[in-house]
Amino acid sequence: SGEMTFLPGHAPFITTLGTGILKYKVKGQEKAFKAVLSWGYCEVVPQ
């Protein structure tokens, strides 16, 4: 349904993925890493 961003402490959540760009920032680095993703599932848990 659109881009979603998750930060530490986010409530548990599950969503279906579309096709687009995954972005993430590694702890201790300024640069955001990116990749193309297509179809799947995303699960947010406390960890």
ModelCIF file with pLDDT and N, C-alpha, C, O atoms, coordinates in Angstrom:
data_MODEL
#
_entry.id   MODEL 
#
_entity.id                         1 
_entity.type                       polymer 
_entity.pdbx_number_of_molecules   1 
#
_entity_poly.entity_id                      1 
_entity_poly.type                           'polypeptide(L)' 
_entity_poly.nstd_linkage                   no 
_entity_poly.nstd_monomer                   no 
_entity_poly.pdbx_seq_one_letter_code       SGEMTFLPGHAPFITTLGTGILKYKVKGQEKAFKAVLSWGYCEVVPQ 
_entity_poly.pdbx_seq_one_letter_code_can   SGEMTFLPGHAPFITTLGTGILKYKVKGQEKAFKAVLSWGYCEVVPQ 
_entity_poly.pdbx_strand_id                 A 
#
loop_
_entity_poly_seq.entity_id 
_entity_poly_seq.num 
_entity_poly_seq.mon_id 
_entity_poly_seq.hetero 
1 1  SER n 
1 2  GLY n 
1 3  GLU n 
1 4  MET n 
1 5  THR n 
1 6  PHE n 
1 7  LEU n 
1 8  PRO n 
1 9  GLY n 
1 10 HIS n 
1 11 ALA n 
1 12 PRO n 
1 13 PHE n 
1 14 ILE n 
1 15 THR n 
1 16 THR n 
1 17 LEU n 
1 18 GLY n 
1 19 THR n 
1 20 GLY n 
1 21 ILE n 
1 22 LEU n 
1 23 LYS n 
1 24 TYR n 
1 25 LYS n 
1 26 VAL n 
1 27 LYS n 
1 28 GLY n 
1 29 GLN n 
1 30 GLU n 
1 31 LYS n 
1 32 ALA n 
1 33 PHE n 
1 34 LYS n 
1 35 ALA n 
1 36 VAL n 
1 37 LEU n 
1 38 SER n 
1 39 TRP n 
1 40 GLY n 
1 41 TYR n 
1 42 CYS n 
1 43 GLU n 
1 44 VAL n 
1 45 VAL n 
1 46 PRO n 
1 47 GLN n 
#
_struct_asym.id          A 
_struct_asym.entity_id   1 
#
loop_
_ma_qa_metric.id 
_ma_qa_metric.mode 
_ma_qa_metric.name 
_ma_qa_metric.software_group_id 
_ma_qa_metric.type 
1 global pLDDT . pLDDT 
2 local  pLDDT . pLDDT 
#
_ma_qa_metric_global.metric_id      1 
_ma_qa_metric_global.metric_value   94.81 
_ma_qa_metric_global.model_id       1 
_ma_qa_metric_global.ordinal_id     1 
#
loop_
_ma_qa_metric_local.label_asym_id 
_ma_qa_metric_local.label_comp_id 
_ma_qa_metric_local.label_seq_id 
_ma_qa_metric_local.metric_id 
_ma_qa_metric_local.metric_value 
_ma_qa_metric_local.model_id 
_ma_qa_metric_local.ordinal_id 
A SER 1  2 89.00 1 1  
A GLY 2  2 93.00 1 2  
A GLU 3  2 95.00 1 3  
A MET 4  2 97.00 1 4  
A THR 5  2 97.00 1 5  
A PHE 6  2 97.00 1 6  
A LEU 7  2 95.00 1 7  
A PRO 8  2 95.00 1 8  
A GLY 9  2 93.00 1 9  
A HIS 10 2 94.00 1 10 
A ALA 11 2 95.00 1 11 
A PRO 12 2 96.00 1 12 
A PHE 13 2 95.00 1 13 
A ILE 14 2 97.00 1 14 
A THR 15 2 97.00 1 15 
A THR 16 2 97.00 1 16 
A LEU 17 2 97.00 1 17 
A GLY 18 2 94.00 1 18 
A THR 19 2 95.00 1 19 
A GLY 20 2 95.00 1 20 
A ILE 21 2 96.00 1 21 
A LEU 22 2 97.00 1 22 
A LYS 23 2 97.00 1 23 
A TYR 24 2 97.00 1 24 
A LYS 25 2 96.00 1 25 
A VAL 26 2 95.00 1 26 
A LYS 27 2 90.00 1 27 
A GLY 28 2 91.00 1 28 
A GLN 29 2 92.00 1 29 
A GLU 30 2 88.00 1 30 
A LYS 31 2 89.00 1 31 
A ALA 32 2 92.00 1 32 
A PHE 33 2 96.00 1 33 
A LYS 34 2 96.00 1 34 
A ALA 35 2 96.00 1 35 
A VAL 36 2 96.00 1 36 
A LEU 37 2 95.00 1 37 
A SER 38 2 93.00 1 38 
A TRP 39 2 92.00 1 39 
A GLY 40 2 96.00 1 40 
A TYR 41 2 98.00 1 41 
A CYS 42 2 97.00 1 42 
A GLU 43 2 98.00 1 43 
A VAL 44 2 97.00 1 44 
A VAL 45 2 96.00 1 45 
A PRO 46 2 93.00 1 46 
A GLN 47 2 94.00 1 47 
#
loop_
_atom_site.group_PDB 
_atom_site.id 
_atom_site.type_symbol 
_atom_site.label_atom_id 
_atom_site.label_alt_id 
_atom_site.label_comp_id 
_atom_site.label_asym_id 
_atom_site.label_entity_id 
_atom_site.label_seq_id 
_atom_site.pdbx_PDB_ins_code 
_atom_site.Cartn_x 
_atom_site.Cartn_y 
_atom_site.Cartn_z 
_atom_site.occupancy 
_atom_site.B_iso_or_equiv 
_atom_site.pdbx_formal_charge 
_atom_site.auth_seq_id 
_atom_site.auth_comp_id 
_atom_site.auth_asym_id 
_atom_site.auth_atom_id 
_atom_site.pdbx_PDB_model_num 
ATOM 1   N N  . SER A 1 1  ? 0.806  -1.221  0.000  1.00 89.00 ? 1  SER A N  1 
ATOM 2   C CA . SER A 1 1  ? 0.000  0.000   0.000  1.00 89.00 ? 1  SER A CA 1 
ATOM 3   C C  . SER A 1 1  ? 0.843  1.277   0.000  1.00 89.00 ? 1  SER A C  1 
ATOM 4   O O  . SER A 1 1  ? 0.292  2.373   0.101  1.00 89.00 ? 1  SER A O  1 
ATOM 5   N N  . GLY A 1 2  ? 2.170  1.154   -0.111 1.00 93.00 ? 2  GLY A N  1 
ATOM 6   C CA . GLY A 1 2  ? 3.053  2.318   -0.110 1.00 93.00 ? 2  GLY A CA 1 
ATOM 7   C C  . GLY A 1 2  ? 4.255  2.081   0.779  1.00 93.00 ? 2  GLY A C  1 
ATOM 8   O O  . GLY A 1 2  ? 4.318  1.085   1.500  1.00 93.00 ? 2  GLY A O  1 
ATOM 9   N N  . GLU A 1 3  ? 5.201  2.991   0.730  1.00 95.00 ? 3  GLU A N  1 
ATOM 10  C CA . GLU A 1 3  ? 6.424  2.846   1.514  1.00 95.00 ? 3  GLU A CA 1 
ATOM 11  C C  . GLU A 1 3  ? 6.133  2.987   3.003  1.00 95.00 ? 3  GLU A C  1 
ATOM 12  O O  . GLU A 1 3  ? 5.371  3.855   3.428  1.00 95.00 ? 3  GLU A O  1 
ATOM 13  N N  . MET A 1 4  ? 6.765  2.102   3.787  1.00 97.00 ? 4  MET A N  1 
ATOM 14  C CA . MET A 1 4  ? 6.614  2.142   5.239  1.00 97.00 ? 4  MET A CA 1 
ATOM 15  C C  . MET A 1 4  ? 8.001  2.159   5.862  1.00 97.00 ? 4  MET A C  1 
ATOM 16  O O  . MET A 1 4  ? 8.898  1.448   5.410  1.00 97.00 ? 4  MET A O  1 
ATOM 17  N N  . THR A 1 5  ? 8.177  2.969   6.898  1.00 97.00 ? 5  THR A N  1 
ATOM 18  C CA . THR A 1 5  ? 9.457  3.067   7.601  1.00 97.00 ? 5  THR A CA 1 
ATOM 19  C C  . THR A 1 5  ? 9.278  2.595   9.037  1.00 97.00 ? 5  THR A C  1 
ATOM 20  O O  . THR A 1 5  ? 8.304  2.935   9.708  1.00 97.00 ? 5  THR A O  1 
ATOM 21  N N  . PHE A 1 6  ? 10.244 1.804   9.488  1.00 97.00 ? 6  PHE A N  1 
ATOM 22  C CA . PHE A 1 6  ? 10.216 1.260   10.841 1.00 97.00 ? 6  PHE A CA 1 
ATOM 23  C C  . PHE A 1 6  ? 11.465 1.691   11.594 1.00 97.00 ? 6  PHE A C  1 
ATOM 24  O O  . PHE A 1 6  ? 12.571 1.676   11.054 1.00 97.00 ? 6  PHE A O  1 
ATOM 25  N N  . LEU A 1 7  ? 11.270 2.071   12.839 1.00 95.00 ? 7  LEU A N  1 
ATOM 26  C CA . LEU A 1 7  ? 12.347 2.473   13.734 1.00 95.00 ? 7  LEU A CA 1 
ATOM 27  C C  . LEU A 1 7  ? 12.343 1.547   14.947 1.00 95.00 ? 7  LEU A C  1 
ATOM 28  O O  . LEU A 1 7  ? 11.342 0.881   15.211 1.00 95.00 ? 7  LEU A O  1 
ATOM 29  N N  . PRO A 1 8  ? 13.458 1.497   15.695 1.00 95.00 ? 8  PRO A N  1 
ATOM 30  C CA . PRO A 1 8  ? 13.472 0.663   16.900 1.00 95.00 ? 8  PRO A CA 1 
ATOM 31  C C  . PRO A 1 8  ? 12.298 1.010   17.812 1.00 95.00 ? 8  PRO A C  1 
ATOM 32  O O  . PRO A 1 8  ? 11.958 2.181   17.981 1.00 95.00 ? 8  PRO A O  1 
ATOM 33  N N  . GLY A 1 9  ? 11.692 -0.003  18.389 1.00 93.00 ? 9  GLY A N  1 
ATOM 34  C CA . GLY A 1 9  ? 10.572 0.182   19.291 1.00 93.00 ? 9  GLY A CA 1 
ATOM 35  C C  . GLY A 1 9  ? 9.216  0.158   18.600 1.00 93.00 ? 9  GLY A C  1 
ATOM 36  O O  . GLY A 1 9  ? 8.190  0.342   19.255 1.00 93.00 ? 9  GLY A O  1 
ATOM 37  N N  . HIS A 1 10 ? 9.192  -0.067  17.281 1.00 94.00 ? 10 HIS A N  1 
ATOM 38  C CA . HIS A 1 10 ? 7.922  -0.130  16.551 1.00 94.00 ? 10 HIS A CA 1 
ATOM 39  C C  . HIS A 1 10 ? 7.083  -1.292  17.083 1.00 94.00 ? 10 HIS A C  1 
ATOM 40  O O  . HIS A 1 10 ? 7.618  -2.333  17.467 1.00 94.00 ? 10 HIS A O  1 
ATOM 41  N N  . ALA A 1 11 ? 5.805  -1.108  17.099 1.00 95.00 ? 11 ALA A N  1 
ATOM 42  C CA . ALA A 1 11 ? 4.892  -2.168  17.535 1.00 95.00 ? 11 ALA A CA 1 
ATOM 43  C C  . ALA A 1 11 ? 4.963  -3.342  16.555 1.00 95.00 ? 11 ALA A C  1 
ATOM 44  O O  . ALA A 1 11 ? 5.239  -3.137  15.373 1.00 95.00 ? 11 ALA A O  1 
ATOM 45  N N  . PRO A 1 12 ? 4.719  -4.565  17.027 1.00 96.00 ? 12 PRO A N  1 
ATOM 46  C CA . PRO A 1 12 ? 4.697  -5.710  16.120 1.00 96.00 ? 12 PRO A CA 1 
ATOM 47  C C  . PRO A 1 12 ? 3.724  -5.465  14.962 1.00 96.00 ? 12 PRO A C  1 
ATOM 48  O O  . PRO A 1 12 ? 2.647  -4.894  15.135 1.00 96.00 ? 12 PRO A O  1 
ATOM 49  N N  . PHE A 1 13 ? 4.140  -5.915  13.786 1.00 95.00 ? 13 PHE A N  1 
ATOM 50  C CA . PHE A 1 13 ? 3.394  -5.562  12.578 1.00 95.00 ? 13 PHE A CA 1 
ATOM 51  C C  . PHE A 1 13 ? 3.761  -6.532  11.461 1.00 95.00 ? 13 PHE A C  1 
ATOM 52  O O  . PHE A 1 13 ? 4.902  -6.987  11.383 1.00 95.00 ? 13 PHE A O  1 
ATOM 53  N N  . ILE A 1 14 ? 2.807  -6.849  10.603 1.00 97.00 ? 14 ILE A N  1 
ATOM 54  C CA . ILE A 1 14 ? 3.065  -7.666  9.409  1.00 97.00 ? 14 ILE A CA 1 
ATOM 55  C C  . ILE A 1 14 ? 2.407  -6.980  8.224  1.00 97.00 ? 14 ILE A C  1 
ATOM 56  O O  . ILE A 1 14 ? 1.275  -6.506  8.322  1.00 97.00 ? 14 ILE A O  1 
ATOM 57  N N  . THR A 1 15 ? 3.123  -6.926  7.093  1.00 97.00 ? 15 THR A N  1 
ATOM 58  C CA . THR A 1 15 ? 2.551  -6.351  5.881  1.00 97.00 ? 15 THR A CA 1 
ATOM 59  C C  . THR A 1 15 ? 3.022  -7.130  4.659  1.00 97.00 ? 15 THR A C  1 
ATOM 60  O O  . THR A 1 15 ? 4.059  -7.793  4.681  1.00 97.00 ? 15 THR A O  1 
ATOM 61  N N  . THR A 1 16 ? 2.241  -7.033  3.608  1.00 97.00 ? 16 THR A N  1 
ATOM 62  C CA . THR A 1 16 ? 2.604  -7.600  2.321  1.00 97.00 ? 16 THR A CA 1 
ATOM 63  C C  . THR A 1 16 ? 3.463  -6.589  1.583  1.00 97.00 ? 16 THR A C  1 
ATOM 64  O O  . THR A 1 16 ? 3.208  -5.386  1.644  1.00 97.00 ? 16 THR A O  1 
ATOM 65  N N  . LEU A 1 17 ? 4.479  -7.074  0.887  1.00 97.00 ? 17 LEU A N  1 
ATOM 66  C CA . LEU A 1 17 ? 5.357  -6.194  0.124  1.00 97.00 ? 17 LEU A CA 1 
ATOM 67  C C  . LEU A 1 17 ? 4.908  -6.091  -1.318 1.00 97.00 ? 17 LEU A C  1 
ATOM 68  O O  . LEU A 1 17 ? 4.359  -7.037  -1.882 1.00 97.00 ? 17 LEU A O  1 
ATOM 69  N N  . GLY A 1 18 ? 5.146  -4.938  -1.904 1.00 94.00 ? 18 GLY A N  1 
ATOM 70  C CA . GLY A 1 18 ? 4.982  -4.741  -3.334 1.00 94.00 ? 18 GLY A CA 1 
ATOM 71  C C  . GLY A 1 18 ? 6.364  -4.763  -3.956 1.00 94.00 ? 18 GLY A C  1 
ATOM 72  O O  . GLY A 1 18 ? 7.293  -5.344  -3.396 1.00 94.00 ? 18 GLY A O  1 
ATOM 73  N N  . THR A 1 19 ? 6.504  -4.135  -5.107 1.00 95.00 ? 19 THR A N  1 
ATOM 74  C CA . THR A 1 19 ? 7.798  -4.020  -5.758 1.00 95.00 ? 19 THR A CA 1 
ATOM 75  C C  . THR A 1 19 ? 8.288  -2.592  -5.571 1.00 95.00 ? 19 THR A C  1 
ATOM 76  O O  . THR A 1 19 ? 7.542  -1.637  -5.785 1.00 95.00 ? 19 THR A O  1 
ATOM 77  N N  . GLY A 1 20 ? 9.539  -2.455  -5.175 1.00 95.00 ? 20 GLY A N  1 
ATOM 78  C CA . GLY A 1 20 ? 10.101 -1.135  -4.950 1.00 95.00 ? 20 GLY A CA 1 
ATOM 79  C C  . GLY A 1 20 ? 11.470 -1.234  -4.313 1.00 95.00 ? 20 GLY A C  1 
ATOM 80  O O  . GLY A 1 20 ? 12.162 -2.244  -4.444 1.00 95.00 ? 20 GLY A O  1 
ATOM 81  N N  . ILE A 1 21 ? 11.849 -0.177  -3.625 1.00 96.00 ? 21 ILE A N  1 
ATOM 82  C CA . ILE A 1 21 ? 13.202 -0.098  -3.085 1.00 96.00 ? 21 ILE A CA 1 
ATOM 83  C C  . ILE A 1 21 ? 13.192 -0.226  -1.561 1.00 96.00 ? 21 ILE A C  1 
ATOM 84  O O  . ILE A 1 21 ? 12.495 0.505   -0.857 1.00 96.00 ? 21 ILE A O  1 
ATOM 85  N N  . LEU A 1 22 ? 13.986 -1.177  -1.080 1.00 97.00 ? 22 LEU A N  1 
ATOM 86  C CA . LEU A 1 22 ? 14.253 -1.350  0.342  1.00 97.00 ? 22 LEU A CA 1 
ATOM 87  C C  . LEU A 1 22 ? 15.382 -0.385  0.701  1.00 97.00 ? 22 LEU A C  1 
ATOM 88  O O  . LEU A 1 22 ? 16.378 -0.298  -0.017 1.00 97.00 ? 22 LEU A O  1 
ATOM 89  N N  . LYS A 1 23 ? 15.229 0.335   1.804  1.00 97.00 ? 23 LYS A N  1 
ATOM 90  C CA . LYS A 1 23 ? 16.289 1.223   2.290  1.00 97.00 ? 23 LYS A CA 1 
ATOM 91  C C  . LYS A 1 23 ? 16.513 0.915   3.763  1.00 97.00 ? 23 LYS A C  1 
ATOM 92  O O  . LYS A 1 23 ? 15.571 0.691   4.523  1.00 97.00 ? 23 LYS A O  1 
ATOM 93  N N  . TYR A 1 24 ? 17.783 0.911   4.145  1.00 97.00 ? 24 TYR A N  1 
ATOM 94  C CA . TYR A 1 24 ? 18.082 0.723   5.563  1.00 97.00 ? 24 TYR A CA 1 
ATOM 95  C C  . TYR A 1 24 ? 19.397 1.397   5.916  1.00 97.00 ? 24 TYR A C  1 
ATOM 96  O O  . TYR A 1 24 ? 20.310 1.506   5.097  1.00 97.00 ? 24 TYR A O  1 
ATOM 97  N N  . LYS A 1 25 ? 19.461 1.847   7.167  1.00 96.00 ? 25 LYS A N  1 
ATOM 98  C CA . LYS A 1 25 ? 20.668 2.490   7.677  1.00 96.00 ? 25 LYS A CA 1 
ATOM 99  C C  . LYS A 1 25 ? 21.297 1.578   8.714  1.00 96.00 ? 25 LYS A C  1 
ATOM 100 O O  . LYS A 1 25 ? 20.663 1.192   9.696  1.00 96.00 ? 25 LYS A O  1 
ATOM 101 N N  . VAL A 1 26 ? 22.554 1.244   8.476  1.00 95.00 ? 26 VAL A N  1 
ATOM 102 C CA . VAL A 1 26 ? 23.304 0.391   9.386  1.00 95.00 ? 26 VAL A CA 1 
ATOM 103 C C  . VAL A 1 26 ? 23.781 1.239   10.565 1.00 95.00 ? 26 VAL A C  1 
ATOM 104 O O  . VAL A 1 26 ? 24.230 2.372   10.393 1.00 95.00 ? 26 VAL A O  1 
ATOM 105 N N  . LYS A 1 27 ? 23.674 0.674   11.746 1.00 90.00 ? 27 LYS A N  1 
ATOM 106 C CA . LYS A 1 27 ? 24.080 1.381   12.962 1.00 90.00 ? 27 LYS A CA 1 
ATOM 107 C C  . LYS A 1 27 ? 25.534 1.835   12.834 1.00 90.00 ? 27 LYS A C  1 
ATOM 108 O O  . LYS A 1 27 ? 26.416 1.042   12.503 1.00 90.00 ? 27 LYS A O  1 
ATOM 109 N N  . GLY A 1 28 ? 25.771 3.124   13.101 1.00 91.00 ? 28 GLY A N  1 
ATOM 110 C CA . GLY A 1 28 ? 27.124 3.669   13.057 1.00 91.00 ? 28 GLY A CA 1 
ATOM 111 C C  . GLY A 1 28 ? 27.564 4.163   11.687 1.00 91.00 ? 28 GLY A C  1 
ATOM 112 O O  . GLY A 1 28 ? 28.696 4.622   11.535 1.00 91.00 ? 28 GLY A O  1 
ATOM 113 N N  . GLN A 1 29 ? 26.686 4.080   10.680 1.00 92.00 ? 29 GLN A N  1 
ATOM 114 C CA . GLN A 1 29 ? 27.035 4.552   9.335  1.00 92.00 ? 29 GLN A CA 1 
ATOM 115 C C  . GLN A 1 29 ? 26.001 5.563   8.863  1.00 92.00 ? 29 GLN A C  1 
ATOM 116 O O  . GLN A 1 29 ? 24.811 5.420   9.142  1.00 92.00 ? 29 GLN A O  1 
ATOM 117 N N  . GLU A 1 30 ? 26.454 6.579   8.153  1.00 88.00 ? 30 GLU A N  1 
ATOM 118 C CA . GLU A 1 30 ? 25.557 7.617   7.647  1.00 88.00 ? 30 GLU A CA 1 
ATOM 119 C C  . GLU A 1 30 ? 24.833 7.172   6.379  1.00 88.00 ? 30 GLU A C  1 
ATOM 120 O O  . GLU A 1 30 ? 23.661 7.493   6.179  1.00 88.00 ? 30 GLU A O  1 
ATOM 121 N N  . LYS A 1 31 ? 25.532 6.439   5.534  1.00 89.00 ? 31 LYS A N  1 
ATOM 122 C CA . LYS A 1 31 ? 25.000 6.045   4.224  1.00 89.00 ? 31 LYS A CA 1 
ATOM 123 C C  . LYS A 1 31 ? 23.822 5.076   4.371  1.00 89.00 ? 31 LYS A C  1 
ATOM 124 O O  . LYS A 1 31 ? 23.858 4.155   5.188  1.00 89.00 ? 31 LYS A O  1 
ATOM 125 N N  . ALA A 1 32 ? 22.785 5.300   3.572  1.00 92.00 ? 32 ALA A N  1 
ATOM 126 C CA . ALA A 1 32 ? 21.654 4.367   3.524  1.00 92.00 ? 32 ALA A CA 1 
ATOM 127 C C  . ALA A 1 32 ? 21.941 3.321   2.448  1.00 92.00 ? 32 ALA A C  1 
ATOM 128 O O  . ALA A 1 32 ? 22.373 3.657   1.346  1.00 92.00 ? 32 ALA A O  1 
ATOM 129 N N  . PHE A 1 33 ? 21.702 2.077   2.769  1.00 96.00 ? 33 PHE A N  1 
ATOM 130 C CA . PHE A 1 33 ? 21.858 0.993   1.806  1.00 96.00 ? 33 PHE A CA 1 
ATOM 131 C C  . PHE A 1 33 ? 20.516 0.763   1.128  1.00 96.00 ? 33 PHE A C  1 
ATOM 132 O O  . PHE A 1 33 ? 19.465 0.900   1.754  1.00 96.00 ? 33 PHE A O  1 
ATOM 133 N N  . LYS A 1 34 ? 20.554 0.410   -0.158 1.00 96.00 ? 34 LYS A N  1 
ATOM 134 C CA . LYS A 1 34 ? 19.324 0.235   -0.923 1.00 96.00 ? 34 LYS A CA 1 
ATOM 135 C C  . LYS A 1 34 ? 19.396 -1.027  -1.765 1.00 96.00 ? 34 LYS A C  1 
ATOM 136 O O  . LYS A 1 34 ? 20.473 -1.502  -2.125 1.00 96.00 ? 34 LYS A O  1 
ATOM 137 N N  . ALA A 1 35 ? 18.196 -1.565  -2.074 1.00 96.00 ? 35 ALA A N  1 
ATOM 138 C CA . ALA A 1 35 ? 18.074 -2.723  -2.956 1.00 96.00 ? 35 ALA A CA 1 
ATOM 139 C C  . ALA A 1 35 ? 16.647 -2.771  -3.496 1.00 96.00 ? 35 ALA A C  1 
ATOM 140 O O  . ALA A 1 35 ? 15.719 -2.264  -2.866 1.00 96.00 ? 35 ALA A O  1 
ATOM 141 N N  . VAL A 1 36 ? 16.484 -3.378  -4.654 1.00 96.00 ? 36 VAL A N  1 
ATOM 142 C CA . VAL A 1 36 ? 15.148 -3.580  -5.220 1.00 96.00 ? 36 VAL A CA 1 
ATOM 143 C C  . VAL A 1 36 ? 14.575 -4.850  -4.603 1.00 96.00 ? 36 VAL A C  1 
ATOM 144 O O  . VAL A 1 36 ? 15.237 -5.887  -4.567 1.00 96.00 ? 36 VAL A O  1 
ATOM 145 N N  . LEU A 1 37 ? 13.348 -4.758  -4.120 1.00 95.00 ? 37 LEU A N  1 
ATOM 146 C CA . LEU A 1 37 ? 12.617 -5.915  -3.597 1.00 95.00 ? 37 LEU A CA 1 
ATOM 147 C C  . LEU A 1 37 ? 11.369 -6.125  -4.426 1.00 95.00 ? 37 LEU A C  1 
ATOM 148 O O  . LEU A 1 37 ? 10.794 -5.176  -4.959 1.00 95.00 ? 37 LEU A O  1 
ATOM 149 N N  . SER A 1 38 ? 10.959 -7.365  -4.528 1.00 93.00 ? 38 SER A N  1 
ATOM 150 C CA . SER A 1 38 ? 9.697  -7.638  -5.192 1.00 93.00 ? 38 SER A CA 1 
ATOM 151 C C  . SER A 1 38 ? 8.945  -8.727  -4.454 1.00 93.00 ? 38 SER A C  1 
ATOM 152 O O  . SER A 1 38 ? 9.457  -9.823  -4.225 1.00 93.00 ? 38 SER A O  1 
ATOM 153 N N  . TRP A 1 39 ? 7.747  -8.405  -4.098 1.00 92.00 ? 39 TRP A N  1 
ATOM 154 C CA . TRP A 1 39 ? 6.757  -9.298  -3.539 1.00 92.00 ? 39 TRP A CA 1 
ATOM 155 C C  . TRP A 1 39 ? 7.272  -10.134 -2.381 1.00 92.00 ? 39 TRP A C  1 
ATOM 156 O O  . TRP A 1 39 ? 8.338  -10.746 -2.453 1.00 92.00 ? 39 TRP A O  1 
ATOM 157 N N  . GLY A 1 40 ? 6.512  -10.144 -1.344 1.00 96.00 ? 40 GLY A N  1 
ATOM 158 C CA . GLY A 1 40 ? 6.857  -10.925 -0.174 1.00 96.00 ? 40 GLY A CA 1 
ATOM 159 C C  . GLY A 1 40 ? 6.140  -10.404 1.047  1.00 96.00 ? 40 GLY A C  1 
ATOM 160 O O  . GLY A 1 40 ? 5.047  -9.846  0.960  1.00 96.00 ? 40 GLY A O  1 
ATOM 161 N N  . TYR A 1 41 ? 6.783  -10.598 2.195  1.00 98.00 ? 41 TYR A N  1 
ATOM 162 C CA . TYR A 1 41 ? 6.192  -10.209 3.472  1.00 98.00 ? 41 TYR A CA 1 
ATOM 163 C C  . TYR A 1 41 ? 7.248  -9.541  4.342  1.00 98.00 ? 41 TYR A C  1 
ATOM 164 O O  . TYR A 1 41 ? 8.438  -9.839  4.246  1.00 98.00 ? 41 TYR A O  1 
ATOM 165 N N  . CYS A 1 42 ? 6.788  -8.639  5.184  1.00 97.00 ? 42 CYS A N  1 
ATOM 166 C CA . CYS A 1 42 ? 7.658  -7.961  6.138  1.00 97.00 ? 42 CYS A CA 1 
ATOM 167 C C  . CYS A 1 42 ? 7.027  -8.120  7.515  1.00 97.00 ? 42 CYS A C  1 
ATOM 168 O O  . CYS A 1 42 ? 5.845  -7.840  7.712  1.00 97.00 ? 42 CYS A O  1 
ATOM 169 N N  . GLU A 1 43 ? 7.827  -8.569  8.448  1.00 98.00 ? 43 GLU A N  1 
ATOM 170 C CA . GLU A 1 43 ? 7.373  -8.757  9.818  1.00 98.00 ? 43 GLU A CA 1 
ATOM 171 C C  . GLU A 1 43 ? 8.230  -7.883  10.734 1.00 98.00 ? 43 GLU A C  1 
ATOM 172 O O  . GLU A 1 43 ? 9.459  -7.950  10.698 1.00 98.00 ? 43 GLU A O  1 
ATOM 173 N N  . VAL A 1 44 ? 7.583  -7.077  11.541 1.00 97.00 ? 44 VAL A N  1 
ATOM 174 C CA . VAL A 1 44 ? 8.283  -6.266  12.541 1.00 97.00 ? 44 VAL A CA 1 
ATOM 175 C C  . VAL A 1 44 ? 8.012  -6.902  13.895 1.00 97.00 ? 44 VAL A C  1 
ATOM 176 O O  . VAL A 1 44 ? 6.861  -7.112  14.278 1.00 97.00 ? 44 VAL A O  1 
ATOM 177 N N  . VAL A 1 45 ? 9.080  -7.204  14.608 1.00 96.00 ? 45 VAL A N  1 
ATOM 178 C CA . VAL A 1 45 ? 9.003  -7.776  15.950 1.00 96.00 ? 45 VAL A CA 1 
ATOM 179 C C  . VAL A 1 45 ? 9.863  -6.906  16.866 1.00 96.00 ? 45 VAL A C  1 
ATOM 180 O O  . VAL A 1 45 ? 10.631 -6.079  16.374 1.00 96.00 ? 45 VAL A O  1 
ATOM 181 N N  . PRO A 1 46 ? 9.753  -7.070  18.175 1.00 93.00 ? 46 PRO A N  1 
ATOM 182 C CA . PRO A 1 46 ? 10.559 -6.216  19.060 1.00 93.00 ? 46 PRO A CA 1 
ATOM 183 C C  . PRO A 1 46 ? 12.068 -6.273  18.776 1.00 93.00 ? 46 PRO A C  1 
ATOM 184 O O  . PRO A 1 46 ? 12.778 -5.298  19.021 1.00 93.00 ? 46 PRO A O  1 
ATOM 185 N N  . GLN A 1 47 ? 12.554 -7.396  18.267 1.00 94.00 ? 47 GLN A N  1 
ATOM 186 C CA . GLN A 1 47 ? 13.983 -7.545  18.000 1.00 94.00 ? 47 GLN A CA 1 
ATOM 187 C C  . GLN A 1 47 ? 14.417 -6.906  16.682 1.00 94.00 ? 47 GLN A C  1 
ATOM 188 O O  . GLN A 1 47 ? 15.596 -6.955  16.330 1.00 94.00 ? 47 GLN A O  1 
#
